[in-house]
Amino acid sequence: MTESDHTDRTPENAPARTDPEVRAVGVRQGMFGAKGSGDTSGYGGLVQPVVFPGAAQRPFEGWHEEVARALDTALAAGGVGHAIESVVIHRREITFHVRRDDLLAVAQLLRDDPALRFELCSGVSGVHYPADSGRELHAVYHLLSMTHNRRIRVEVSAPDADPHVPSVVAVYPTADWHERETYDMFGIVFDGHPALARVLMPDDWPGHPQRKDYPLGGIPVEYKGGTVPPPDQRRSYN
């Protein structure tokens, strides 16, 4: 089987390739997408395309359309009607892709508008897409409306060269340590955060461990006088 045969295979969880809006942003090789490191997972020959689902078409189904319409109305009234870049519905879950400069305004409306009332930010996730040129770093906010019993995602992107995203702690205080962890693991700088510092790794740790360009293993670690060898030296498969 040739390499092109591998790259044409679509992962099970990817949207149908027949969708003209599907966007491929690169190819992942191996289990973790890292190169030149001590990956001992055994999946070094795995090759999969990195595929994004396309934007959904209006009108949406069910309450998704109600939320989108209410958000459109609130954004227009607030003078930020251009804030939404696209809306993706995949596996019955809705994600609003928002311009990072408008993130705070959108978060405020999502929390306070009576038709929306997404009172809780339950988490902030980071994602690194090295091949998504100009949009390599993504921050994803998971929001819950306890009033209307609904969940949505808000996603913003930033380039590697300018990894800054506004902090939403002023709107959602629960995002405090989530943003710190995302900064620690991915290097996304949340402007306006009250105390942005590492939360898992030591303050002087080089790099951000969950980025795709971070090496897997090979770092000597001292523990009670002992030394832990890098992963590719810990075991033998023959």
Protein backbone atom coordinates (compact mmCIF):
# COMPACT_ATOMS: atom_id res chain seq x y z
CA MET A 1 0.00 0.00 0.00
CA THR A 2 1.43 3.39 -0.96
CA GLU A 3 1.58 6.49 1.23
CA SER A 4 -1.13 8.12 -0.88
CA ASP A 5 -3.40 5.16 -0.13
CA HIS A 6 -2.90 5.83 3.57
CA THR A 7 -3.58 9.55 3.35
CA ASP A 8 -6.84 8.99 1.44
CA ARG A 9 -8.34 7.00 4.30
CA THR A 10 -10.74 9.08 6.40
CA PRO A 11 -10.99 8.49 10.18
CA GLU A 12 -14.25 7.01 11.45
CA ASN A 13 -15.13 10.15 13.40
CA ALA A 14 -14.58 12.53 10.48
CA PRO A 15 -17.49 14.00 8.51
CA ALA A 16 -18.30 12.58 5.09
CA ARG A 17 -15.81 13.51 2.38
CA THR A 18 -18.73 14.24 0.08
CA ASP A 19 -19.42 17.41 2.06
CA PRO A 20 -17.94 20.25 -0.03
CA GLU A 21 -17.27 22.25 3.14
CA VAL A 22 -14.95 19.66 4.68
CA ARG A 23 -11.47 21.15 5.14
CA ALA A 24 -8.29 19.08 5.39
CA VAL A 25 -5.50 20.81 7.33
CA GLY A 26 -2.72 18.25 7.16
CA VAL A 27 -1.81 14.65 7.85
CA ARG A 28 -1.12 13.09 11.23
CA GLN A 29 1.62 10.46 11.37
CA GLY A 30 1.84 8.12 14.34
CA MET A 31 -0.41 8.00 17.38
CA PHE A 32 0.42 11.51 18.59
CA GLY A 33 1.57 13.35 15.48
CA ALA A 34 5.04 14.01 16.86
CA LYS A 35 8.26 13.38 14.94
CA GLY A 36 11.83 12.54 15.89
CA SER A 37 11.05 11.61 19.50
CA GLY A 38 10.77 8.56 21.72
CA ASP A 39 7.26 7.48 20.73
CA THR A 40 7.01 3.82 21.79
CA SER A 41 3.26 3.48 21.20
CA GLY A 42 3.78 1.12 18.25
CA TYR A 43 1.72 3.33 15.93
CA GLY A 44 4.63 4.94 14.10
CA GLY A 45 3.29 3.80 10.71
CA LEU A 46 -0.21 5.19 11.24
CA VAL A 47 -1.09 7.94 8.73
CA GLN A 48 -4.41 9.80 8.95
CA PRO A 49 -5.69 13.04 7.41
CA VAL A 50 -6.61 15.84 9.80
CA VAL A 51 -10.10 16.83 8.65
CA PHE A 52 -12.37 19.58 9.98
CA PRO A 53 -16.17 19.35 9.58
CA GLY A 54 -17.62 22.12 7.48
CA ALA A 55 -19.91 24.95 8.50
CA ALA A 56 -23.56 23.98 9.01
CA GLN A 57 -26.28 25.49 6.84
CA ARG A 58 -29.16 27.52 8.22
CA PRO A 59 -31.73 26.85 9.43
CA PHE A 60 -30.35 24.42 11.99
CA GLU A 61 -32.42 21.69 13.61
CA GLY A 62 -34.18 21.97 16.97
CA TRP A 63 -32.82 24.20 19.73
CA HIS A 64 -29.58 24.82 17.82
CA GLU A 65 -31.48 27.22 15.60
CA GLU A 66 -33.08 28.90 18.63
CA VAL A 67 -29.67 29.54 20.19
CA ALA A 68 -28.13 30.74 16.91
CA ARG A 69 -31.04 33.09 16.24
CA ALA A 70 -30.98 34.50 19.78
CA LEU A 71 -27.21 35.01 19.55
CA ASP A 72 -27.54 36.74 16.16
CA THR A 73 -30.09 39.13 17.63
CA ALA A 74 -27.97 39.87 20.70
CA LEU A 75 -24.81 40.42 18.66
CA ALA A 76 -26.57 42.77 16.24
CA ALA A 77 -27.97 44.78 19.15
CA GLY A 78 -24.50 44.93 20.71
CA GLY A 79 -22.85 46.13 17.52
CA VAL A 80 -20.72 43.00 17.04
CA GLY A 81 -22.78 41.21 14.41
CA HIS A 82 -19.59 40.14 12.62
CA ALA A 83 -18.23 38.21 15.64
CA ILE A 84 -19.21 34.71 14.47
CA GLU A 85 -16.90 33.28 11.81
CA SER A 86 -18.83 30.02 11.34
CA VAL A 87 -21.10 27.54 13.11
CA VAL A 88 -20.29 23.83 13.03
CA ILE A 89 -22.73 21.08 14.01
CA HIS A 90 -21.07 17.69 14.26
CA ARG A 91 -22.34 14.64 16.14
CA ARG A 92 -25.36 16.71 17.24
CA GLU A 93 -23.08 19.18 19.05
CA ILE A 94 -22.86 22.85 18.10
CA THR A 95 -19.70 24.95 18.06
CA PHE A 96 -19.58 28.69 17.45
CA HIS A 97 -16.27 29.80 15.94
CA VAL A 98 -15.70 33.35 17.16
CA ARG A 99 -13.23 36.07 16.18
CA ARG A 100 -10.78 36.29 19.08
CA ASP A 101 -11.09 40.09 19.30
CA ASP A 102 -14.82 39.67 19.98
CA LEU A 103 -14.57 36.77 22.43
CA LEU A 104 -15.32 38.80 25.56
CA ALA A 105 -18.34 40.50 24.02
CA VAL A 106 -19.74 37.17 22.85
CA ALA A 107 -19.13 35.53 26.25
CA GLN A 108 -20.92 38.39 28.03
CA LEU A 109 -23.96 38.06 25.77
CA LEU A 110 -24.05 34.28 26.08
CA ARG A 111 -24.08 34.58 29.85
CA ASP A 112 -26.46 37.51 30.32
CA ASP A 113 -29.00 37.47 27.48
CA PRO A 114 -32.30 36.02 28.78
CA ALA A 115 -32.77 33.90 25.65
CA LEU A 116 -29.31 32.37 26.05
CA ARG A 117 -28.30 32.23 29.74
CA PHE A 118 -25.15 30.11 29.46
CA GLU A 119 -24.25 30.72 33.08
CA LEU A 120 -21.41 28.21 33.51
CA CYS A 121 -18.12 27.70 31.71
CA SER A 122 -17.30 24.11 32.65
CA GLY A 123 -13.89 24.01 31.01
CA VAL A 124 -11.35 25.48 28.59
CA SER A 125 -9.47 23.19 26.21
CA GLY A 126 -6.47 23.84 24.00
CA VAL A 127 -5.74 22.26 20.62
CA HIS A 128 -2.67 22.55 18.41
CA TYR A 129 -2.98 22.13 14.64
CA PRO A 130 0.53 22.78 13.25
CA ALA A 131 -0.65 22.58 9.62
CA ASP A 132 -3.58 24.99 10.05
CA SER A 133 -1.61 27.98 8.80
CA GLY A 134 -2.37 31.18 10.69
CA ARG A 135 -4.76 29.33 13.04
CA GLU A 136 -2.42 26.83 14.68
CA LEU A 137 -3.65 27.32 18.25
CA HIS A 138 -7.29 26.87 19.25
CA ALA A 139 -8.99 27.58 22.59
CA VAL A 140 -12.34 25.86 23.15
CA TYR A 141 -14.83 26.94 25.81
CA HIS A 142 -17.51 24.53 27.04
CA LEU A 143 -20.62 26.39 28.17
CA LEU A 144 -23.71 25.16 30.00
CA SER A 145 -27.10 26.84 30.32
CA MET A 146 -28.71 25.60 33.51
CA THR A 147 -31.74 27.77 32.76
CA HIS A 148 -32.45 26.11 29.40
CA ASN A 149 -30.54 22.81 29.92
CA ARG A 150 -28.30 23.25 26.86
CA ARG A 151 -24.61 22.88 26.10
CA ILE A 152 -22.57 24.62 23.42
CA ARG A 153 -18.93 25.22 22.54
CA VAL A 154 -17.23 28.48 21.65
CA GLU A 155 -13.94 28.21 19.79
CA VAL A 156 -11.32 30.84 18.93
CA SER A 157 -8.02 30.51 17.09
CA ALA A 158 -4.69 32.30 17.15
CA PRO A 159 -1.50 31.94 15.12
CA ASP A 160 1.70 30.50 16.56
CA ALA A 161 3.36 33.84 15.89
CA ASP A 162 0.79 35.69 18.02
CA PRO A 163 -0.61 33.22 20.58
CA HIS A 164 -2.80 35.74 22.41
CA VAL A 165 -6.49 35.27 23.29
CA PRO A 166 -8.57 37.46 25.66
CA SER A 167 -9.16 35.92 29.08
CA VAL A 168 -12.83 35.27 29.95
CA VAL A 169 -12.21 35.08 33.71
CA ALA A 170 -13.99 38.43 34.21
CA VAL A 171 -17.14 36.85 32.72
CA TYR A 172 -16.66 33.23 33.80
CA PRO A 173 -14.52 33.04 36.99
CA THR A 174 -14.47 29.22 36.71
CA ALA A 175 -12.17 29.59 33.70
CA ASP A 176 -9.32 30.79 35.93
CA TRP A 177 -7.35 27.57 36.40
CA HIS A 178 -8.57 26.13 33.08
CA GLU A 179 -6.92 29.01 31.24
CA ARG A 180 -3.78 28.54 33.33
CA GLU A 181 -3.63 24.86 32.38
CA THR A 182 -4.21 25.66 28.69
CA TYR A 183 -1.40 28.21 28.85
CA ASP A 184 0.84 25.67 30.60
CA MET A 185 0.19 22.85 28.13
CA PHE A 186 -0.21 24.77 24.83
CA GLY A 187 1.38 28.21 25.31
CA ILE A 188 -1.80 30.20 24.61
CA VAL A 189 -1.45 33.54 26.38
CA PHE A 190 -4.75 34.70 27.90
CA ASP A 191 -4.55 38.48 28.00
CA GLY A 192 -6.14 40.01 31.07
CA HIS A 193 -5.92 36.86 33.20
CA PRO A 194 -5.46 37.85 36.87
CA ALA A 195 -2.47 35.53 37.47
CA LEU A 196 -1.42 33.63 34.36
CA ALA A 197 1.22 31.13 35.47
CA ARG A 198 1.94 27.44 35.04
CA VAL A 199 -0.29 25.16 37.06
CA LEU A 200 1.11 21.68 36.28
CA MET A 201 4.71 22.10 35.14
CA PRO A 202 7.50 23.90 37.06
CA ASP A 203 7.78 27.61 36.33
CA ASP A 204 11.11 27.14 34.52
CA TRP A 205 9.95 24.19 32.39
CA PRO A 206 10.90 24.65 28.72
CA GLY A 207 8.08 24.47 26.17
CA HIS A 208 4.46 23.34 26.39
CA PRO A 209 4.01 19.55 26.61
CA GLN A 210 0.73 19.03 24.74
CA ARG A 211 1.76 20.82 21.56
CA LYS A 212 2.33 18.59 18.55
CA ASP A 213 5.88 19.88 18.15
CA TYR A 214 6.86 18.92 21.70
CA PRO A 215 9.20 15.87 21.89
CA LEU A 216 7.79 12.66 23.37
CA GLY A 217 10.18 11.30 26.00
CA GLY A 218 13.93 11.45 25.98
CA ILE A 219 14.07 13.84 28.95
CA PRO A 220 16.09 12.49 31.94
CA VAL A 221 14.11 12.80 35.18
CA GLU A 222 15.66 12.44 38.62
CA TYR A 223 13.56 10.83 41.35
CA LYS A 224 14.96 10.14 44.86
CA GLY A 225 18.45 9.80 43.53
CA GLY A 226 17.45 7.53 40.64
CA THR A 227 17.25 8.32 36.94
CA VAL A 228 14.30 7.34 34.77
CA PRO A 229 15.45 6.44 31.22
CA PRO A 230 13.62 7.82 28.17
CA PRO A 231 10.64 5.73 26.96
CA ASP A 232 12.46 4.06 24.06
CA GLN A 233 14.99 2.58 26.50
CA ARG A 234 12.57 1.29 29.14
CA ARG A 235 11.42 -1.92 27.48
CA SER A 236 12.14 -4.31 24.66
CA TYR A 237 9.61 -5.75 22.23
CA ASN A 238 11.74 -8.63 20.93
